[in-house]
Amino acid sequence: MFCKEEGPTLTQGPPHARAARPVPVRLVTDIPATTGANFGQEVVCYESPRPSMGIHRFVFALFRQLGRQTVYAPGWRQNFNTRDFAELYNLGSPVAAVYFNCQRERGSGGRRRDR
């Protein structure tokens, strides 16, 4: 799928600017084509979504990166737009993507109070 000079770029975050607070949750570049995302350059480290309650929408998008060290971290997290980011770095359309919703179960994590 990717030749030696190419590698994927992985974005994890909201699908588009219509999200309430579009921020990239994680951004990994320079992923070697023969390995997983753990071997790439994490240019935006993971940040758990806020607030911790409610439904969270996630999109993982994998783009073909045309060469190493050709994609850089955005200047800020706020108002991140995956489509604009891909256009800026000539990444084209995603070669793979997955979308899902998740919600924390009641009573999991957080503080517990005795009554």
N, C-alpha and C. Protein backbone atom coordinates (compact mmCIF):
# COMPACT_ATOMS: atom_id res chain seq x y z
N MET A 1 0.81 -1.18 0.00
CA MET A 1 0.00 0.00 0.00
C MET A 1 0.87 1.26 0.00
N PHE A 2 1.93 1.27 0.78
CA PHE A 2 2.83 2.43 0.83
C PHE A 2 4.21 1.96 0.40
N CYS A 3 4.90 2.78 -0.39
CA CYS A 3 6.27 2.42 -0.75
C CYS A 3 7.22 2.90 0.34
N LYS A 4 8.50 2.59 0.21
CA LYS A 4 9.47 2.86 1.27
C LYS A 4 9.57 4.34 1.65
N GLU A 5 9.49 5.23 0.67
CA GLU A 5 9.62 6.66 0.95
C GLU A 5 8.35 7.25 1.54
N GLU A 6 7.24 6.55 1.35
CA GLU A 6 5.96 7.05 1.84
C GLU A 6 5.66 6.43 3.20
N GLY A 7 4.77 7.03 3.89
CA GLY A 7 4.30 6.48 5.15
C GLY A 7 2.99 7.14 5.49
N PRO A 8 2.21 6.53 6.33
CA PRO A 8 0.93 7.12 6.67
C PRO A 8 1.04 8.21 7.73
N THR A 9 0.07 9.10 7.72
CA THR A 9 -0.15 10.08 8.77
C THR A 9 -1.51 9.76 9.37
N LEU A 10 -1.58 9.67 10.69
CA LEU A 10 -2.81 9.33 11.38
C LEU A 10 -3.32 10.54 12.14
N THR A 11 -4.58 10.91 11.90
CA THR A 11 -5.21 11.95 12.70
C THR A 11 -6.33 11.31 13.50
N GLN A 12 -6.48 11.74 14.71
CA GLN A 12 -7.57 11.26 15.56
C GLN A 12 -8.25 12.49 16.13
N GLY A 13 -9.49 12.66 15.83
CA GLY A 13 -10.20 13.82 16.33
C GLY A 13 -11.58 13.94 15.76
N PRO A 14 -12.14 15.14 15.79
CA PRO A 14 -13.49 15.34 15.27
C PRO A 14 -13.48 15.30 13.74
N PRO A 15 -14.60 14.92 13.12
CA PRO A 15 -14.62 14.78 11.67
C PRO A 15 -14.53 16.08 10.90
N HIS A 16 -14.99 17.18 11.47
CA HIS A 16 -14.99 18.44 10.74
C HIS A 16 -15.20 19.60 11.70
N ALA A 17 -15.18 20.79 11.19
CA ALA A 17 -15.26 21.99 12.02
C ALA A 17 -16.62 22.19 12.68
N ARG A 18 -17.63 21.40 12.32
CA ARG A 18 -18.95 21.57 12.95
C ARG A 18 -18.99 20.98 14.35
N ALA A 19 -17.98 20.26 14.76
CA ALA A 19 -17.94 19.72 16.12
C ALA A 19 -17.96 20.89 17.11
N ALA A 20 -18.49 20.63 18.29
CA ALA A 20 -18.60 21.70 19.30
C ALA A 20 -17.26 22.35 19.59
N ARG A 21 -16.24 21.53 19.80
CA ARG A 21 -14.88 22.03 20.04
C ARG A 21 -13.92 21.18 19.22
N PRO A 22 -13.74 21.49 17.95
CA PRO A 22 -12.88 20.63 17.14
C PRO A 22 -11.41 20.76 17.53
N VAL A 23 -10.90 19.74 18.16
CA VAL A 23 -9.49 19.70 18.53
C VAL A 23 -8.94 18.33 18.17
N PRO A 24 -7.71 18.27 17.67
CA PRO A 24 -7.15 16.95 17.40
C PRO A 24 -6.85 16.25 18.72
N VAL A 25 -7.27 15.02 18.84
CA VAL A 25 -7.00 14.25 20.05
C VAL A 25 -5.59 13.70 19.99
N ARG A 26 -5.13 13.37 18.79
CA ARG A 26 -3.77 12.83 18.60
C ARG A 26 -3.41 12.98 17.13
N LEU A 27 -2.12 13.21 16.86
CA LEU A 27 -1.65 13.31 15.48
C LEU A 27 -0.28 12.65 15.40
N VAL A 28 -0.16 11.64 14.54
CA VAL A 28 1.09 10.89 14.38
C VAL A 28 1.51 10.97 12.91
N THR A 29 2.77 11.33 12.67
CA THR A 29 3.31 11.41 11.30
C THR A 29 4.50 10.47 11.17
N ASP A 30 5.01 10.36 9.95
CA ASP A 30 6.22 9.57 9.66
C ASP A 30 6.14 8.15 10.20
N ILE A 31 4.98 7.52 10.07
CA ILE A 31 4.81 6.14 10.52
C ILE A 31 5.47 5.24 9.48
N PRO A 32 6.45 4.42 9.86
CA PRO A 32 7.05 3.50 8.88
C PRO A 32 5.97 2.59 8.29
N ALA A 33 6.03 2.38 6.99
CA ALA A 33 4.99 1.63 6.29
C ALA A 33 4.88 0.19 6.77
N THR A 34 5.91 -0.35 7.38
CA THR A 34 5.90 -1.76 7.78
C THR A 34 5.59 -1.95 9.26
N THR A 35 5.26 -0.88 9.97
CA THR A 35 5.01 -1.00 11.41
C THR A 35 3.72 -0.30 11.78
N GLY A 36 3.47 -0.15 13.07
CA GLY A 36 2.27 0.51 13.56
C GLY A 36 2.54 1.94 13.98
N ALA A 37 1.47 2.60 14.43
CA ALA A 37 1.54 4.01 14.81
C ALA A 37 2.48 4.26 15.99
N ASN A 38 2.80 3.22 16.77
CA ASN A 38 3.71 3.39 17.91
C ASN A 38 5.11 3.79 17.46
N PHE A 39 5.43 3.57 16.19
CA PHE A 39 6.77 3.86 15.69
C PHE A 39 6.86 5.19 14.95
N GLY A 40 5.76 5.91 14.84
CA GLY A 40 5.76 7.21 14.16
C GLY A 40 6.15 8.34 15.10
N GLN A 41 6.10 9.55 14.57
CA GLN A 41 6.38 10.75 15.36
C GLN A 41 5.05 11.33 15.84
N GLU A 42 4.83 11.29 17.14
CA GLU A 42 3.61 11.84 17.71
C GLU A 42 3.80 13.35 17.83
N VAL A 43 3.23 14.12 16.89
CA VAL A 43 3.43 15.57 16.88
C VAL A 43 2.36 16.30 17.68
N VAL A 44 1.23 15.66 17.93
CA VAL A 44 0.23 16.16 18.87
C VAL A 44 -0.08 14.99 19.78
N CYS A 45 0.30 15.09 21.05
CA CYS A 45 0.13 13.97 21.97
C CYS A 45 -1.35 13.80 22.34
N TYR A 46 -1.68 12.59 22.78
CA TYR A 46 -3.06 12.27 23.14
C TYR A 46 -3.55 13.17 24.26
N GLU A 47 -4.75 13.65 24.11
CA GLU A 47 -5.42 14.43 25.15
C GLU A 47 -6.85 13.92 25.24
N SER A 48 -7.26 13.47 26.42
CA SER A 48 -8.61 12.92 26.55
C SER A 48 -9.64 14.01 26.30
N PRO A 49 -10.77 13.62 25.73
CA PRO A 49 -11.80 14.61 25.40
C PRO A 49 -12.41 15.24 26.64
N ARG A 50 -12.82 16.49 26.49
CA ARG A 50 -13.50 17.23 27.55
C ARG A 50 -14.86 17.64 27.06
N PRO A 51 -15.88 17.68 27.84
CA PRO A 51 -15.93 17.21 29.21
C PRO A 51 -15.91 15.69 29.25
N SER A 52 -15.68 15.12 30.41
CA SER A 52 -15.58 13.66 30.50
C SER A 52 -16.94 12.98 30.38
N MET A 53 -18.01 13.72 30.55
CA MET A 53 -19.36 13.14 30.44
C MET A 53 -19.92 13.40 29.05
N GLY A 54 -20.91 12.60 28.68
CA GLY A 54 -21.59 12.80 27.40
C GLY A 54 -21.02 11.92 26.30
N ILE A 55 -21.61 12.05 25.14
CA ILE A 55 -21.20 11.25 23.98
C ILE A 55 -20.03 11.96 23.29
N HIS A 56 -19.02 11.18 22.96
CA HIS A 56 -17.86 11.70 22.24
C HIS A 56 -17.80 11.03 20.87
N ARG A 57 -17.54 11.81 19.85
CA ARG A 57 -17.44 11.32 18.48
C ARG A 57 -15.96 11.32 18.09
N PHE A 58 -15.50 10.18 17.62
CA PHE A 58 -14.10 10.05 17.22
C PHE A 58 -14.00 9.66 15.75
N VAL A 59 -13.01 10.20 15.10
CA VAL A 59 -12.68 9.82 13.73
C VAL A 59 -11.18 9.56 13.67
N PHE A 60 -10.82 8.38 13.24
CA PHE A 60 -9.42 8.07 12.95
C PHE A 60 -9.30 8.13 11.43
N ALA A 61 -8.43 8.96 10.92
CA ALA A 61 -8.23 9.07 9.47
C ALA A 61 -6.76 8.81 9.16
N LEU A 62 -6.53 7.95 8.19
CA LEU A 62 -5.18 7.59 7.78
C LEU A 62 -4.93 8.15 6.39
N PHE A 63 -3.89 8.96 6.26
CA PHE A 63 -3.56 9.60 4.99
C PHE A 63 -2.23 9.08 4.47
N ARG A 64 -2.05 9.13 3.16
CA ARG A 64 -0.77 8.79 2.54
C ARG A 64 0.13 10.02 2.63
N GLN A 65 1.23 9.88 3.34
CA GLN A 65 2.21 10.97 3.48
C GLN A 65 3.28 10.75 2.43
N LEU A 66 3.54 11.75 1.60
CA LEU A 66 4.41 11.58 0.44
C LEU A 66 5.90 11.48 0.75
N GLY A 67 6.31 11.88 1.92
CA GLY A 67 7.72 11.77 2.30
C GLY A 67 7.88 12.01 3.78
N ARG A 68 9.00 11.59 4.31
CA ARG A 68 9.24 11.79 5.74
C ARG A 68 9.48 13.26 6.04
N GLN A 69 9.10 13.66 7.24
CA GLN A 69 9.29 15.01 7.76
C GLN A 69 8.70 16.07 6.82
N THR A 70 7.53 15.77 6.28
CA THR A 70 6.84 16.73 5.41
C THR A 70 5.54 17.22 6.03
N VAL A 71 5.20 16.70 7.21
CA VAL A 71 3.97 17.10 7.91
C VAL A 71 4.37 17.54 9.31
N TYR A 72 3.87 18.68 9.73
CA TYR A 72 4.24 19.24 11.02
C TYR A 72 3.01 19.47 11.88
N ALA A 73 3.24 19.65 13.16
CA ALA A 73 2.15 19.87 14.11
C ALA A 73 1.44 21.18 13.80
N PRO A 74 0.12 21.21 13.96
CA PRO A 74 -0.58 22.48 13.81
C PRO A 74 -0.16 23.43 14.92
N GLY A 75 -0.29 24.72 14.69
CA GLY A 75 0.13 25.71 15.68
C GLY A 75 -0.71 25.69 16.94
N TRP A 76 -1.91 25.14 16.86
CA TRP A 76 -2.81 25.11 18.02
C TRP A 76 -3.80 23.96 17.84
N ARG A 77 -4.42 23.56 18.92
CA ARG A 77 -5.41 22.49 18.88
C ARG A 77 -6.81 22.99 18.54
N GLN A 78 -7.15 24.18 19.01
CA GLN A 78 -8.50 24.70 18.85
C GLN A 78 -8.85 24.91 17.37
N ASN A 79 -10.09 24.61 17.03
CA ASN A 79 -10.62 24.80 15.67
C ASN A 79 -9.83 24.05 14.60
N PHE A 80 -9.31 22.89 14.96
CA PHE A 80 -8.59 22.05 14.01
C PHE A 80 -9.57 21.49 12.98
N ASN A 81 -9.19 21.52 11.72
CA ASN A 81 -10.03 21.01 10.65
C ASN A 81 -9.21 20.00 9.86
N THR A 82 -9.61 18.74 9.92
CA THR A 82 -8.87 17.66 9.26
C THR A 82 -8.75 17.90 7.76
N ARG A 83 -9.82 18.34 7.14
CA ARG A 83 -9.81 18.58 5.69
C ARG A 83 -8.79 19.66 5.32
N ASP A 84 -8.77 20.77 6.07
CA ASP A 84 -7.81 21.84 5.80
C ASP A 84 -6.38 21.37 6.05
N PHE A 85 -6.18 20.57 7.10
CA PHE A 85 -4.86 20.04 7.42
C PHE A 85 -4.35 19.16 6.27
N ALA A 86 -5.22 18.28 5.77
CA ALA A 86 -4.83 17.40 4.66
C ALA A 86 -4.50 18.20 3.41
N GLU A 87 -5.25 19.25 3.16
CA GLU A 87 -4.99 20.10 1.99
C GLU A 87 -3.67 20.85 2.13
N LEU A 88 -3.40 21.38 3.32
CA LEU A 88 -2.16 22.13 3.57
C LEU A 88 -0.92 21.28 3.28
N TYR A 89 -0.96 20.00 3.66
CA TYR A 89 0.20 19.12 3.50
C TYR A 89 0.07 18.18 2.30
N ASN A 90 -0.87 18.46 1.40
CA ASN A 90 -1.03 17.68 0.18
C ASN A 90 -1.19 16.18 0.47
N LEU A 91 -2.02 15.86 1.46
CA LEU A 91 -2.23 14.47 1.85
C LEU A 91 -3.32 13.79 1.04
N GLY A 92 -4.16 14.57 0.36
CA GLY A 92 -5.25 14.00 -0.42
C GLY A 92 -6.36 13.48 0.48
N SER A 93 -7.17 12.60 -0.07
CA SER A 93 -8.25 12.00 0.71
C SER A 93 -7.70 10.89 1.59
N PRO A 94 -8.37 10.59 2.70
CA PRO A 94 -7.90 9.49 3.55
C PRO A 94 -7.90 8.16 2.79
N VAL A 95 -6.91 7.32 3.06
CA VAL A 95 -6.88 5.98 2.47
C VAL A 95 -7.66 5.01 3.34
N ALA A 96 -7.90 5.40 4.58
CA ALA A 96 -8.72 4.61 5.50
C ALA A 96 -9.25 5.53 6.59
N ALA A 97 -10.42 5.19 7.10
CA ALA A 97 -11.00 5.99 8.18
C ALA A 97 -11.99 5.13 8.97
N VAL A 98 -12.14 5.47 10.23
CA VAL A 98 -13.15 4.82 11.07
C VAL A 98 -13.76 5.90 11.96
N TYR A 99 -15.07 5.81 12.15
CA TYR A 99 -15.82 6.78 12.95
C TYR A 99 -16.57 6.00 14.02
N PHE A 100 -16.57 6.51 15.25
CA PHE A 100 -17.38 5.87 16.27
C PHE A 100 -17.76 6.86 17.36
N ASN A 101 -18.82 6.52 18.08
CA ASN A 101 -19.27 7.29 19.24
C ASN A 101 -18.95 6.47 20.48
N CYS A 102 -18.65 7.14 21.57
CA CYS A 102 -18.45 6.44 22.83
C CYS A 102 -18.97 7.32 23.96
N GLN A 103 -19.26 6.66 25.06
CA GLN A 103 -19.75 7.37 26.24
C GLN A 103 -19.30 6.60 27.47
N ARG A 104 -18.82 7.32 28.44
CA ARG A 104 -18.38 6.70 29.69
C ARG A 104 -19.59 6.13 30.42
N GLU A 105 -19.42 4.92 30.96
CA GLU A 105 -20.50 4.32 31.73
C GLU A 105 -20.65 5.03 33.06
N ARG A 106 -21.87 5.11 33.53
CA ARG A 106 -22.09 5.73 34.84
C ARG A 106 -21.36 4.95 35.92
N GLY A 107 -20.77 5.68 36.83
CA GLY A 107 -20.10 5.05 37.96
C GLY A 107 -18.71 4.55 37.66
N SER A 108 -18.20 4.79 36.45
CA SER A 108 -16.84 4.34 36.16
C SER A 108 -15.87 5.50 36.32
N GLY A 109 -14.82 5.28 37.06
CA GLY A 109 -13.81 6.31 37.26
C GLY A 109 -14.30 7.46 38.11
N GLY A 110 -13.45 8.44 38.27
CA GLY A 110 -13.83 9.64 39.02
C GLY A 110 -13.90 9.41 40.51
N ARG A 111 -14.35 10.42 41.21
CA ARG A 111 -14.46 10.35 42.66
C ARG A 111 -15.68 9.56 43.09
N ARG A 112 -15.53 8.91 44.22
CA ARG A 112 -16.66 8.19 44.80
C ARG A 112 -16.94 8.79 46.17
N ARG A 113 -18.19 9.00 46.45
CA ARG A 113 -18.57 9.58 47.73
C ARG A 113 -19.40 8.58 48.51
N ASP A 114 -19.08 8.45 49.79
CA ASP A 114 -19.88 7.59 50.67
C ASP A 114 -21.11 8.37 51.11
N ARG A 115 -22.23 7.70 51.18
CA ARG A 115 -23.46 8.36 51.62
C ARG A 115 -23.85 7.89 52.97
